[in-house]
Amino acid sequence: MKNNLIFYALLFFSKEDVNPNLKVKSLNKKYEILLKNAYNLANSLKKQKLKFVLLTNNLKKISEFKKINFTVKKINFKKKISSNTPFYSAHYKLDVFKYFEKQNHICCLLDIDVIAINKISKHLILAKNNKINLVYDLNNKKDRKYNIKIIKTLKICNNLDDNQPNWYGGEFIFGNNIFFRTINKKIKYIYPRYIRNISKVHHIGDETIVNSALQIIKKEKKIQFKDVSKNKVIARYWSINTKTKQKDLEYFLKNHFLLHLPGDKVFLSKIDINKMDYKKVKSTYKNHFYFFKNRFINKSKFLLNYLK
């Protein structure tokens, strides 16, 4: 096993797939938007000479995009799931794991709407050099009702009585081929249970399947993995209102290597990170974020005054 690190993202083409994080008016340009997202992810990593590969099921569609200056590779996809399932294409990340188990380097799978905004984390370099597997826990464990939902979902899928309420995000998973091979073995058991009970889980998507597998791996203690949620490697940030309070945007822009922007795919498709340094990328996103935040506040004030 070499200590080389390659970052990957997935773009799966399907006529039926609908992305819940894209507005209706953007759906007809969905793949153009996502390809531009991939372009910006690739070029944000390229600034540090970090390797990136986009995995896909359709090279022809990608070749229509003029700004391809990164590596694209077609791989085999075998998973079967109803095309009207929410986050349908995300389920094909499970096939990406099958690809990873055959690679002789460290693989890091990112969501396509992730960008690098600072120098690569020392924690990530240390993990690469020492072949440490990493995941990103999104749950701060403070919401008891949410914890119960997670545990219930995990038990439905993996049949364990002692699951912990961790929820590892699908935007970041980092490891060697042994780690991914182990995940794949657990998925073989979990996937049929997930499909049979898909109406009962609190979250539909690859995250539910992978989290169920990781709980089994954690219990077996044969393969180790660590959480990076406190190591400033990656952060998921929503520019829209969220149920739980987020840390201030400035904190993430200053401290984190990677930023995941699931609500800002259209914004990411309108900028060209290849022509910007990290400082410019961050200031451009701040302007975008505060513009929409202020517009939302002004609309709210207008409605309140109107209703008085």
C-alpha atoms as a PDB file:
ATOM      1  CA  MET A   1       0.000   0.000   0.000  1.00  0.00           C
ATOM      2  CA  LYS A   2       1.466   3.315  -1.106  1.00  0.00           C
ATOM      3  CA  ASN A   3       0.981   6.469   0.945  1.00  0.00           C
ATOM      4  CA  ASN A   4      -0.164   8.442  -2.099  1.00  0.00           C
ATOM      5  CA  LEU A   5      -3.437  10.305  -1.591  1.00  0.00           C
ATOM      6  CA  ILE A   6      -6.022  10.877  -4.307  1.00  0.00           C
ATOM      7  CA  PHE A   7      -9.249  12.828  -3.796  1.00  0.00           C
ATOM      8  CA  TYR A   8     -12.349  11.619  -5.646  1.00  0.00           C
ATOM      9  CA  ALA A   9     -15.898  12.748  -6.327  1.00  0.00           C
ATOM     10  CA  LEU A  10     -18.801  11.030  -8.067  1.00  0.00           C
ATOM     11  CA  LEU A  11     -21.019  12.343 -10.853  1.00  0.00           C
ATOM     12  CA  PHE A  12     -23.637   9.749 -11.796  1.00  0.00           C
ATOM     13  CA  PHE A  13     -25.865  10.565 -14.781  1.00  0.00           C
ATOM     14  CA  SER A  14     -29.512   9.480 -14.823  1.00  0.00           C
ATOM     15  CA  LYS A  15     -32.564  10.896 -16.615  1.00  0.00           C
ATOM     16  CA  GLU A  16     -34.813  10.135 -13.645  1.00  0.00           C
ATOM     17  CA  ASP A  17     -32.627  11.397 -10.812  1.00  0.00           C
ATOM     18  CA  VAL A  18     -33.740  14.506  -8.906  1.00  0.00           C
ATOM     19  CA  ASN A  19     -31.419  16.364  -6.548  1.00  0.00           C
ATOM     20  CA  PRO A  20     -33.349  17.640  -3.487  1.00  0.00           C
ATOM     21  CA  ASN A  21     -30.728  20.354  -2.931  1.00  0.00           C
ATOM     22  CA  LEU A  22     -31.356  22.035  -6.293  1.00  0.00           C
ATOM     23  CA  LYS A  23     -34.277  24.405  -6.905  1.00  0.00           C
ATOM     24  CA  VAL A  24     -36.800  23.486  -9.608  1.00  0.00           C
ATOM     25  CA  LYS A  25     -35.586  26.226 -11.970  1.00  0.00           C
ATOM     26  CA  SER A  26     -32.056  24.782 -11.824  1.00  0.00           C
ATOM     27  CA  LEU A  27     -32.977  21.163 -12.514  1.00  0.00           C
ATOM     28  CA  ASN A  28     -32.817  21.508 -16.308  1.00  0.00           C
ATOM     29  CA  LYS A  29     -29.179  22.603 -15.934  1.00  0.00           C
ATOM     30  CA  LYS A  30     -28.389  20.111 -13.192  1.00  0.00           C
ATOM     31  CA  TYR A  31     -25.439  18.344 -14.807  1.00  0.00           C
ATOM     32  CA  GLU A  32     -23.932  21.562 -16.108  1.00  0.00           C
ATOM     33  CA  ILE A  33     -24.075  22.901 -12.547  1.00  0.00           C
ATOM     34  CA  LEU A  34     -22.593  19.736 -11.047  1.00  0.00           C
ATOM     35  CA  LEU A  35     -19.799  19.567 -13.628  1.00  0.00           C
ATOM     36  CA  LYS A  36     -18.855  23.149 -12.823  1.00  0.00           C
ATOM     37  CA  ASN A  37     -18.860  22.154  -9.150  1.00  0.00           C
ATOM     38  CA  ALA A  38     -16.455  19.312  -9.977  1.00  0.00           C
ATOM     39  CA  TYR A  39     -14.292  21.748 -11.946  1.00  0.00           C
ATOM     40  CA  ASN A  40     -14.043  24.065  -8.944  1.00  0.00           C
ATOM     41  CA  LEU A  41     -13.350  21.246  -6.493  1.00  0.00           C
ATOM     42  CA  ALA A  42     -10.586  19.939  -8.760  1.00  0.00           C
ATOM     43  CA  ASN A  43      -9.001  23.353  -9.187  1.00  0.00           C
ATOM     44  CA  SER A  44      -9.229  24.265  -5.509  1.00  0.00           C
ATOM     45  CA  LEU A  45      -7.182  21.114  -4.787  1.00  0.00           C
ATOM     46  CA  LYS A  46      -4.881  21.678  -7.745  1.00  0.00           C
ATOM     47  CA  LYS A  47      -3.614  24.907  -6.134  1.00  0.00           C
ATOM     48  CA  GLN A  48      -1.762  22.634  -3.676  1.00  0.00           C
ATOM     49  CA  LYS A  49      -0.857  20.034  -6.323  1.00  0.00           C
ATOM     50  CA  LEU A  50      -3.320  17.613  -4.753  1.00  0.00           C
ATOM     51  CA  LYS A  51      -4.576  14.872  -7.064  1.00  0.00           C
ATOM     52  CA  PHE A  52      -8.260  14.674  -7.994  1.00  0.00           C
ATOM     53  CA  VAL A  53     -10.295  12.210 -10.070  1.00  0.00           C
ATOM     54  CA  LEU A  54     -13.963  12.509 -11.025  1.00  0.00           C
ATOM     55  CA  LEU A  55     -15.674   9.116 -11.242  1.00  0.00           C
ATOM     56  CA  THR A  56     -18.665   8.711 -13.548  1.00  0.00           C
ATOM     57  CA  ASN A  57     -20.878   6.370 -15.548  1.00  0.00           C
ATOM     58  CA  ASN A  58     -20.940   8.596 -18.651  1.00  0.00           C
ATOM     59  CA  LEU A  59     -17.739   9.933 -20.205  1.00  0.00           C
ATOM     60  CA  LYS A  60     -19.581  11.214 -23.270  1.00  0.00           C
ATOM     61  CA  LYS A  61     -21.741  13.612 -21.255  1.00  0.00           C
ATOM     62  CA  ILE A  62     -18.727  14.948 -19.410  1.00  0.00           C
ATOM     63  CA  SER A  63     -16.800  15.471 -22.653  1.00  0.00           C
ATOM     64  CA  GLU A  64     -19.461  18.027 -23.651  1.00  0.00           C
ATOM     65  CA  PHE A  65     -18.243  20.288 -20.871  1.00  0.00           C
ATOM     66  CA  LYS A  66     -15.488  22.576 -22.208  1.00  0.00           C
ATOM     67  CA  LYS A  67     -13.596  23.186 -18.975  1.00  0.00           C
ATOM     68  CA  ILE A  68     -12.306  19.680 -18.299  1.00  0.00           C
ATOM     69  CA  ASN A  69      -8.788  20.175 -16.908  1.00  0.00           C
ATOM     70  CA  PHE A  70      -8.916  17.288 -14.437  1.00  0.00           C
ATOM     71  CA  THR A  71      -8.891  13.494 -14.606  1.00  0.00           C
ATOM     72  CA  VAL A  72     -12.193  11.708 -15.304  1.00  0.00           C
ATOM     73  CA  LYS A  73     -12.602   7.942 -15.051  1.00  0.00           C
ATOM     74  CA  LYS A  74     -15.542   5.692 -15.904  1.00  0.00           C
ATOM     75  CA  ILE A  75     -16.128   2.792 -13.496  1.00  0.00           C
ATOM     76  CA  ASN A  76     -18.684  -0.001 -13.214  1.00  0.00           C
ATOM     77  CA  PHE A  77     -21.946   0.575 -11.337  1.00  0.00           C
ATOM     78  CA  LYS A  78     -24.103  -2.365 -10.300  1.00  0.00           C
ATOM     79  CA  LYS A  79     -26.291  -1.199  -7.406  1.00  0.00           C
ATOM     80  CA  LYS A  80     -30.023  -1.303  -8.107  1.00  0.00           C
ATOM     81  CA  ILE A  81     -32.482   1.117  -6.556  1.00  0.00           C
ATOM     82  CA  SER A  82     -35.735   2.770  -7.635  1.00  0.00           C
ATOM     83  CA  SER A  83     -34.996   5.911  -9.660  1.00  0.00           C
ATOM     84  CA  ASN A  84     -37.596   7.957  -7.745  1.00  0.00           C
ATOM     85  CA  THR A  85     -35.731   7.387  -4.473  1.00  0.00           C
ATOM     86  CA  PRO A  86     -34.486  10.645  -2.876  1.00  0.00           C
ATOM     87  CA  PHE A  87     -30.715  11.052  -3.303  1.00  0.00           C
ATOM     88  CA  TYR A  88     -30.931   8.258  -5.874  1.00  0.00           C
ATOM     89  CA  SER A  89     -27.509   8.857  -7.440  1.00  0.00           C
ATOM     90  CA  ALA A  90     -25.801   9.100  -4.042  1.00  0.00           C
ATOM     91  CA  HIS A  91     -26.522   5.391  -3.524  1.00  0.00           C
ATOM     92  CA  TYR A  92     -23.983   4.696  -6.262  1.00  0.00           C
ATOM     93  CA  LYS A  93     -21.238   5.800  -3.885  1.00  0.00           C
ATOM     94  CA  LEU A  94     -21.446   2.197  -2.682  1.00  0.00           C
ATOM     95  CA  ASP A  95     -20.043   1.139  -6.065  1.00  0.00           C
ATOM     96  CA  VAL A  96     -17.274   3.697  -5.626  1.00  0.00           C
ATOM     97  CA  PHE A  97     -16.258   1.883  -2.433  1.00  0.00           C
ATOM     98  CA  LYS A  98     -15.937  -1.295  -4.504  1.00  0.00           C
ATOM     99  CA  TYR A  99     -13.564   0.596  -6.787  1.00  0.00           C
ATOM    100  CA  PHE A 100     -11.576   1.906  -3.800  1.00  0.00           C
ATOM    101  CA  GLU A 101     -10.935  -1.550  -2.378  1.00  0.00           C
ATOM    102  CA  LYS A 102      -8.901  -2.339  -5.497  1.00  0.00           C
ATOM    103  CA  GLN A 103      -6.697   0.785  -5.319  1.00  0.00           C
ATOM    104  CA  ASN A 104      -3.135   0.805  -4.046  1.00  0.00           C
ATOM    105  CA  HIS A 105      -3.258   4.276  -2.501  1.00  0.00           C
ATOM    106  CA  ILE A 106      -5.193   6.269   0.092  1.00  0.00           C
ATOM    107  CA  CYS A 107      -8.603   7.308  -1.267  1.00  0.00           C
ATOM    108  CA  CYS A 108     -10.649  10.258  -0.050  1.00  0.00           C
ATOM    109  CA  LEU A 109     -14.207  10.539  -1.369  1.00  0.00           C
ATOM    110  CA  LEU A 110     -15.675  14.049  -1.328  1.00  0.00           C
ATOM    111  CA  ASP A 111     -19.050  15.385  -2.375  1.00  0.00           C
ATOM    112  CA  ILE A 112     -18.951  17.340  -5.595  1.00  0.00           C
ATOM    113  CA  ASP A 113     -20.018  20.600  -3.873  1.00  0.00           C
ATOM    114  CA  VAL A 114     -16.928  20.675  -1.650  1.00  0.00           C
ATOM    115  CA  ILE A 115     -14.058  23.139  -2.176  1.00  0.00           C
ATOM    116  CA  ALA A 116     -10.631  23.567  -0.600  1.00  0.00           C
ATOM    117  CA  ILE A 117     -10.280  26.983   1.033  1.00  0.00           C
ATOM    118  CA  ASN A 118      -7.068  26.657   3.070  1.00  0.00           C
ATOM    119  CA  LYS A 119      -3.863  24.604   3.098  1.00  0.00           C
ATOM    120  CA  ILE A 120      -4.305  20.882   3.583  1.00  0.00           C
ATOM    121  CA  SER A 121      -4.748  19.987   7.244  1.00  0.00           C
ATOM    122  CA  LYS A 122      -1.681  18.624   9.064  1.00  0.00           C
ATOM    123  CA  HIS A 123      -4.060  16.097  10.604  1.00  0.00           C
ATOM    124  CA  LEU A 124      -4.866  14.795   7.122  1.00  0.00           C
ATOM    125  CA  ILE A 125      -1.198  14.532   6.164  1.00  0.00           C
ATOM    126  CA  LEU A 126      -0.492  12.624   9.381  1.00  0.00           C
ATOM    127  CA  ALA A 127      -3.378  10.261   8.644  1.00  0.00           C
ATOM    128  CA  LYS A 128      -2.075   9.700   5.117  1.00  0.00           C
ATOM    129  CA  ASN A 129       1.443   8.942   6.292  1.00  0.00           C
ATOM    130  CA  ASN A 130       0.223   6.573   9.013  1.00  0.00           C
ATOM    131  CA  LYS A 131      -2.607   5.004   6.985  1.00  0.00           C
ATOM    132  CA  ILE A 132      -5.281   6.132   9.446  1.00  0.00           C
ATOM    133  CA  ASN A 133      -8.897   5.872   8.237  1.00  0.00           C
ATOM    134  CA  LEU A 134     -11.038   8.967   8.779  1.00  0.00           C
ATOM    135  CA  VAL A 135     -14.736   9.903   8.854  1.00  0.00           C
ATOM    136  CA  TYR A 136     -16.637  13.086   9.706  1.00  0.00           C
ATOM    137  CA  ASP A 137     -19.256  12.959  12.502  1.00  0.00           C
ATOM    138  CA  LEU A 138     -22.021  15.523  11.969  1.00  0.00           C
ATOM    139  CA  ASN A 139     -23.974  14.807  15.148  1.00  0.00           C
ATOM    140  CA  ASN A 140     -23.048  16.772  18.280  1.00  0.00           C
ATOM    141  CA  LYS A 141     -25.215  14.370  20.369  1.00  0.00           C
ATOM    142  CA  LYS A 142     -27.064  17.264  22.094  1.00  0.00           C
ATOM    143  CA  ASP A 143     -30.494  16.555  20.597  1.00  0.00           C
ATOM    144  CA  ARG A 144     -31.904  13.532  22.419  1.00  0.00           C
ATOM    145  CA  LYS A 145     -34.814  13.025  20.002  1.00  0.00           C
ATOM    146  CA  TYR A 146     -32.467  13.091  17.023  1.00  0.00           C
ATOM    147  CA  ASN A 147     -30.126  10.620  18.744  1.00  0.00           C
ATOM    148  CA  ILE A 148     -33.056   8.237  19.216  1.00  0.00           C
ATOM    149  CA  LYS A 149     -33.968   8.560  15.517  1.00  0.00           C
ATOM    150  CA  ILE A 150     -30.412   7.710  14.492  1.00  0.00           C
ATOM    151  CA  ILE A 151     -30.181   4.682  16.770  1.00  0.00           C
ATOM    152  CA  LYS A 152     -33.538   3.400  15.565  1.00  0.00           C
ATOM    153  CA  THR A 153     -32.491   3.741  11.911  1.00  0.00           C
ATOM    154  CA  LEU A 154     -29.143   2.038  12.511  1.00  0.00           C
ATOM    155  CA  LYS A 155     -30.774  -0.912  14.260  1.00  0.00           C
ATOM    156  CA  ILE A 156     -33.220  -1.368  11.376  1.00  0.00           C
ATOM    157  CA  CYS A 157     -30.248  -1.689   9.031  1.00  0.00           C
ATOM    158  CA  ASN A 158     -27.575  -3.495  11.053  1.00  0.00           C
ATOM    159  CA  ASN A 159     -29.640  -5.243  13.758  1.00  0.00           C
ATOM    160  CA  LEU A 160     -27.303  -4.106  16.557  1.00  0.00           C
ATOM    161  CA  ASP A 161     -28.715  -3.362  20.005  1.00  0.00           C
ATOM    162  CA  ASP A 162     -25.857  -1.085  21.058  1.00  0.00           C
ATOM    163  CA  ASN A 163     -25.500   1.439  18.234  1.00  0.00           C
ATOM    164  CA  GLN A 164     -24.104   4.865  19.106  1.00  0.00           C
ATOM    165  CA  PRO A 165     -25.761   8.035  17.706  1.00  0.00           C
ATOM    166  CA  ASN A 166     -22.862   8.959  15.441  1.00  0.00           C
ATOM    167  CA  TRP A 167     -23.790  10.250  11.999  1.00  0.00           C
ATOM    168  CA  TYR A 168     -20.835  10.284   9.657  1.00  0.00           C
ATOM    169  CA  GLY A 169     -21.346  12.572   6.674  1.00  0.00           C
ATOM    170  CA  GLY A 170     -21.167  11.236   3.143  1.00  0.00           C
ATOM    171  CA  GLU A 171     -19.167  14.278   1.980  1.00  0.00           C
ATOM    172  CA  PHE A 172     -15.925  12.885   3.426  1.00  0.00           C
ATOM    173  CA  ILE A 173     -14.587   9.381   3.892  1.00  0.00           C
ATOM    174  CA  PHE A 174     -10.856   8.680   3.840  1.00  0.00           C
ATOM    175  CA  GLY A 175      -8.988   5.412   4.021  1.00  0.00           C
ATOM    176  CA  ASN A 176      -7.024   2.527   2.586  1.00  0.00           C
ATOM    177  CA  ASN A 177      -8.313  -0.390   0.527  1.00  0.00           C
ATOM    178  CA  ILE A 178      -8.654  -2.650   3.581  1.00  0.00           C
ATOM    179  CA  PHE A 179     -10.994  -0.117   5.181  1.00  0.00           C
ATOM    180  CA  PHE A 180     -13.201   0.081   2.095  1.00  0.00           C
ATOM    181  CA  ARG A 181     -13.137  -3.691   1.610  1.00  0.00           C
ATOM    182  CA  THR A 182     -14.383  -4.105   5.176  1.00  0.00           C
ATOM    183  CA  ILE A 183     -17.161  -1.542   4.622  1.00  0.00           C
ATOM    184  CA  ASN A 184     -18.206  -3.394   1.471  1.00  0.00           C
ATOM    185  CA  LYS A 185     -18.469  -6.696   3.329  1.00  0.00           C
ATOM    186  CA  LYS A 186     -20.823  -5.123   5.872  1.00  0.00           C
ATOM    187  CA  ILE A 187     -22.876  -3.445   3.136  1.00  0.00           C
ATOM    188  CA  LYS A 188     -23.672  -6.861   1.630  1.00  0.00           C
ATOM    189  CA  TYR A 189     -25.553  -7.675   4.838  1.00  0.00           C
ATOM    190  CA  ILE A 190     -27.022  -4.204   5.415  1.00  0.00           C
ATOM    191  CA  TYR A 191     -28.210  -3.242   1.927  1.00  0.00           C
ATOM    192  CA  PRO A 192     -31.099  -5.788   1.636  1.00  0.00           C
ATOM    193  CA  ARG A 193     -32.352  -4.775   5.092  1.00  0.00           C
ATOM    194  CA  TYR A 194     -32.147  -1.099   4.096  1.00  0.00           C
ATOM    195  CA  ILE A 195     -34.127  -1.661   0.881  1.00  0.00           C
ATOM    196  CA  ARG A 196     -36.814  -3.682   2.674  1.00  0.00           C
ATOM    197  CA  ASN A 197     -37.217  -1.009   5.348  1.00  0.00           C
ATOM    198  CA  ILE A 198     -36.509   2.140   3.358  1.00  0.00           C
ATOM    199  CA  SER A 199     -39.815   3.729   4.411  1.00  0.00           C
ATOM    200  CA  LYS A 200     -38.881   3.357   8.092  1.00  0.00           C
ATOM    201  CA  VAL A 201     -35.443   4.999   8.200  1.00  0.00           C
ATOM    202  CA  HIS A 202     -35.111   8.665   9.144  1.00  0.00           C
ATOM    203  CA  HIS A 203     -32.714   9.383   6.280  1.00  0.00           C
ATOM    204  CA  ILE A 204     -32.731   7.860   2.793  1.00  0.00           C
ATOM    205  CA  GLY A 205     -29.332   7.670   1.165  1.00  0.00           C
ATOM    206  CA  ASP A 206     -25.833   6.237   1.231  1.00  0.00           C
ATOM    207  CA  GLU A 207     -25.156   7.805   4.646  1.00  0.00           C
ATOM    208  CA  THR A 208     -27.647   5.469   6.335  1.00  0.00           C
ATOM    209  CA  ILE A 209     -26.031   2.381   4.804  1.00  0.00           C
ATOM    210  CA  VAL A 210     -22.449   3.477   5.489  1.00  0.00           C
ATOM    211  CA  ASN A 211     -23.198   4.547   9.064  1.00  0.00           C
ATOM    212  CA  SER A 212     -24.817   1.192   9.744  1.00  0.00           C
ATOM    213  CA  ALA A 213     -21.691  -0.537   8.426  1.00  0.00           C
ATOM    214  CA  LEU A 214     -19.341   1.668  10.447  1.00  0.00           C
ATOM    215  CA  GLN A 215     -21.165   0.812  13.678  1.00  0.00           C
ATOM    216  CA  ILE A 216     -20.536  -2.899  13.056  1.00  0.00           C
ATOM    217  CA  ILE A 217     -16.877  -2.224  12.236  1.00  0.00           C
ATOM    218  CA  LYS A 218     -16.501  -0.156  15.397  1.00  0.00           C
ATOM    219  CA  LYS A 219     -17.954  -2.945  17.505  1.00  0.00           C
ATOM    220  CA  GLU A 220     -15.720  -5.618  15.955  1.00  0.00           C
ATOM    221  CA  LYS A 221     -12.585  -3.513  16.669  1.00  0.00           C
ATOM    222  CA  LYS A 222     -10.597  -5.162  13.866  1.00  0.00           C
ATOM    223  CA  ILE A 223     -10.356  -2.073  11.664  1.00  0.00           C
ATOM    224  CA  GLN A 224      -9.892   1.348  13.255  1.00  0.00           C
ATOM    225  CA  PHE A 225     -11.194   4.701  12.039  1.00  0.00           C
ATOM    226  CA  LYS A 226     -11.178   8.170  13.585  1.00  0.00           C
ATOM    227  CA  ASP A 227     -13.540  11.144  13.539  1.00  0.00           C
ATOM    228  CA  VAL A 228     -12.208  14.479  12.157  1.00  0.00           C
ATOM    229  CA  SER A 229     -15.105  16.712  13.247  1.00  0.00           C
ATOM    230  CA  LYS A 230     -12.854  18.522  15.749  1.00  0.00           C
ATOM    231  CA  ASN A 231      -9.705  18.588  13.621  1.00  0.00           C
ATOM    232  CA  LYS A 232     -10.629  21.353  11.143  1.00  0.00           C
ATOM    233  CA  VAL A 233     -10.349  19.074   8.140  1.00  0.00           C
ATOM    234  CA  ILE A 234     -13.824  19.640   6.681  1.00  0.00           C
ATOM    235  CA  ALA A 235     -17.038  21.427   7.631  1.00  0.00           C
ATOM    236  CA  ARG A 236     -20.561  21.261   6.230  1.00  0.00           C
ATOM    237  CA  TYR A 237     -22.038  24.755   6.068  1.00  0.00           C
ATOM    238  CA  TRP A 238     -25.574  25.745   5.105  1.00  0.00           C
ATOM    239  CA  SER A 239     -26.247  29.235   3.770  1.00  0.00           C
ATOM    240  CA  ILE A 240     -29.958  28.664   4.455  1.00  0.00           C
ATOM    241  CA  ASN A 241     -31.702  28.538   7.823  1.00  0.00           C
ATOM    242  CA  THR A 242     -30.938  25.406   9.841  1.00  0.00           C
ATOM    243  CA  LYS A 243     -32.705  23.757  12.772  1.00  0.00           C
ATOM    244  CA  THR A 244     -29.546  23.857  14.870  1.00  0.00           C
ATOM    245  CA  LYS A 245     -27.292  26.877  15.261  1.00  0.00           C
ATOM    246  CA  GLN A 246     -24.101  26.791  13.195  1.00  0.00           C
ATOM    247  CA  LYS A 247     -20.777  28.328  14.141  1.00  0.00           C
ATOM    248  CA  ASP A 248     -20.046  31.663  12.522  1.00  0.00           C
ATOM    249  CA  LEU A 249     -18.988  31.428   8.867  1.00  0.00           C
ATOM    250  CA  GLU A 250     -15.712  33.241   9.603  1.00  0.00           C
ATOM    251  CA  TYR A 251     -14.630  30.370  11.862  1.00  0.00           C
ATOM    252  CA  PHE A 252     -14.832  27.845   9.038  1.00  0.00           C
ATOM    253  CA  LEU A 253     -13.301  30.143   6.423  1.00  0.00           C
ATOM    254  CA  LYS A 254     -10.318  30.800   8.649  1.00  0.00           C
ATOM    255  CA  ASN A 255      -9.668  27.324  10.026  1.00  0.00           C
ATOM    256  CA  HIS A 256     -10.816  24.516   7.726  1.00  0.00           C
ATOM    257  CA  PHE A 257      -9.118  22.859   4.773  1.00  0.00           C
ATOM    258  CA  LEU A 258     -12.376  21.865   3.065  1.00  0.00           C
ATOM    259  CA  LEU A 259     -15.821  23.457   3.062  1.00  0.00           C
ATOM    260  CA  HIS A 260     -18.950  21.557   2.010  1.00  0.00           C
ATOM    261  CA  LEU A 261     -21.692  23.850   0.651  1.00  0.00           C
ATOM    262  CA  PRO A 262     -24.730  21.637  -0.122  1.00  0.00           C
ATOM    263  CA  GLY A 263     -27.066  24.621  -0.478  1.00  0.00           C
ATOM    264  CA  ASP A 264     -24.770  26.563  -2.805  1.00  0.00           C
ATOM    265  CA  LYS A 265     -24.294  24.371  -5.882  1.00  0.00           C
ATOM    266  CA  VAL A 266     -25.592  27.111  -8.186  1.00  0.00           C
ATOM    267  CA  PHE A 267     -23.282  29.707  -6.631  1.00  0.00           C
ATOM    268  CA  LEU A 268     -20.314  27.353  -7.040  1.00  0.00           C
ATOM    269  CA  SER A 269     -21.220  26.846 -10.686  1.00  0.00           C
ATOM    270  CA  LYS A 270     -20.969  30.590 -11.361  1.00  0.00           C
ATOM    271  CA  ILE A 271     -17.418  31.179 -10.137  1.00  0.00           C
ATOM    272  CA  ASP A 272     -14.080  30.071 -11.583  1.00  0.00           C
ATOM    273  CA  ILE A 273     -11.762  28.992  -8.777  1.00  0.00           C
ATOM    274  CA  ASN A 274      -8.987  28.376 -11.304  1.00  0.00           C
ATOM    275  CA  LYS A 275      -8.695  32.161 -11.652  1.00  0.00           C
ATOM    276  CA  MET A 276      -8.886  32.931  -7.917  1.00  0.00           C
ATOM    277  CA  ASP A 277      -6.636  32.483  -4.903  1.00  0.00           C
ATOM    278  CA  TYR A 278      -8.093  31.169  -1.637  1.00  0.00           C
ATOM    279  CA  LYS A 279      -8.472  34.687  -0.232  1.00  0.00           C
ATOM    280  CA  LYS A 280     -10.582  35.717  -3.214  1.00  0.00           C
ATOM    281  CA  VAL A 281     -12.653  32.505  -3.035  1.00  0.00           C
ATOM    282  CA  LYS A 282     -13.473  33.177   0.624  1.00  0.00           C
ATOM    283  CA  SER A 283     -14.336  36.853   0.117  1.00  0.00           C
ATOM    284  CA  THR A 284     -16.549  35.973  -2.876  1.00  0.00           C
ATOM    285  CA  TYR A 285     -18.454  33.395  -0.854  1.00  0.00           C
ATOM    286  CA  LYS A 286     -18.825  35.799   2.092  1.00  0.00           C
ATOM    287  CA  ASN A 287     -20.343  38.429  -0.205  1.00  0.00           C
ATOM    288  CA  HIS A 288     -22.751  35.841  -1.611  1.00  0.00           C
ATOM    289  CA  PHE A 289     -23.695  34.554   1.834  1.00  0.00           C
ATOM    290  CA  TYR A 290     -24.289  37.946   3.462  1.00  0.00           C
ATOM    291  CA  PHE A 291     -26.192  39.278   0.455  1.00  0.00           C
ATOM    292  CA  PHE A 292     -28.752  36.470   0.676  1.00  0.00           C
ATOM    293  CA  LYS A 293     -28.815  36.587   4.474  1.00  0.00           C
ATOM    294  CA  ASN A 294     -29.597  40.315   4.457  1.00  0.00           C
ATOM    295  CA  ARG A 295     -32.204  39.850   1.729  1.00  0.00           C
ATOM    296  CA  PHE A 296     -33.908  37.180   3.842  1.00  0.00           C
ATOM    297  CA  ILE A 297     -33.867  39.447   6.920  1.00  0.00           C
ATOM    298  CA  ASN A 298     -35.324  42.366   4.935  1.00  0.00           C
ATOM    299  CA  LYS A 299     -38.094  40.178   3.499  1.00  0.00           C
ATOM    300  CA  SER A 300     -38.916  38.909   6.984  1.00  0.00           C
ATOM    301  CA  LYS A 301     -39.123  42.451   8.336  1.00  0.00           C
ATOM    302  CA  PHE A 302     -41.374  43.469   5.439  1.00  0.00           C
ATOM    303  CA  LEU A 303     -43.744  40.554   6.098  1.00  0.00           C
ATOM    304  CA  LEU A 304     -43.855  41.292   9.831  1.00  0.00           C
ATOM    305  CA  ASN A 305     -44.677  44.946   9.186  1.00  0.00           C
ATOM    306  CA  TYR A 306     -47.324  43.958   6.648  1.00  0.00           C
ATOM    307  CA  LEU A 307     -49.003  41.570   9.108  1.00  0.00           C
ATOM    308  CA  LYS A 308     -49.131  44.105  11.939  1.00  0.00           C
END
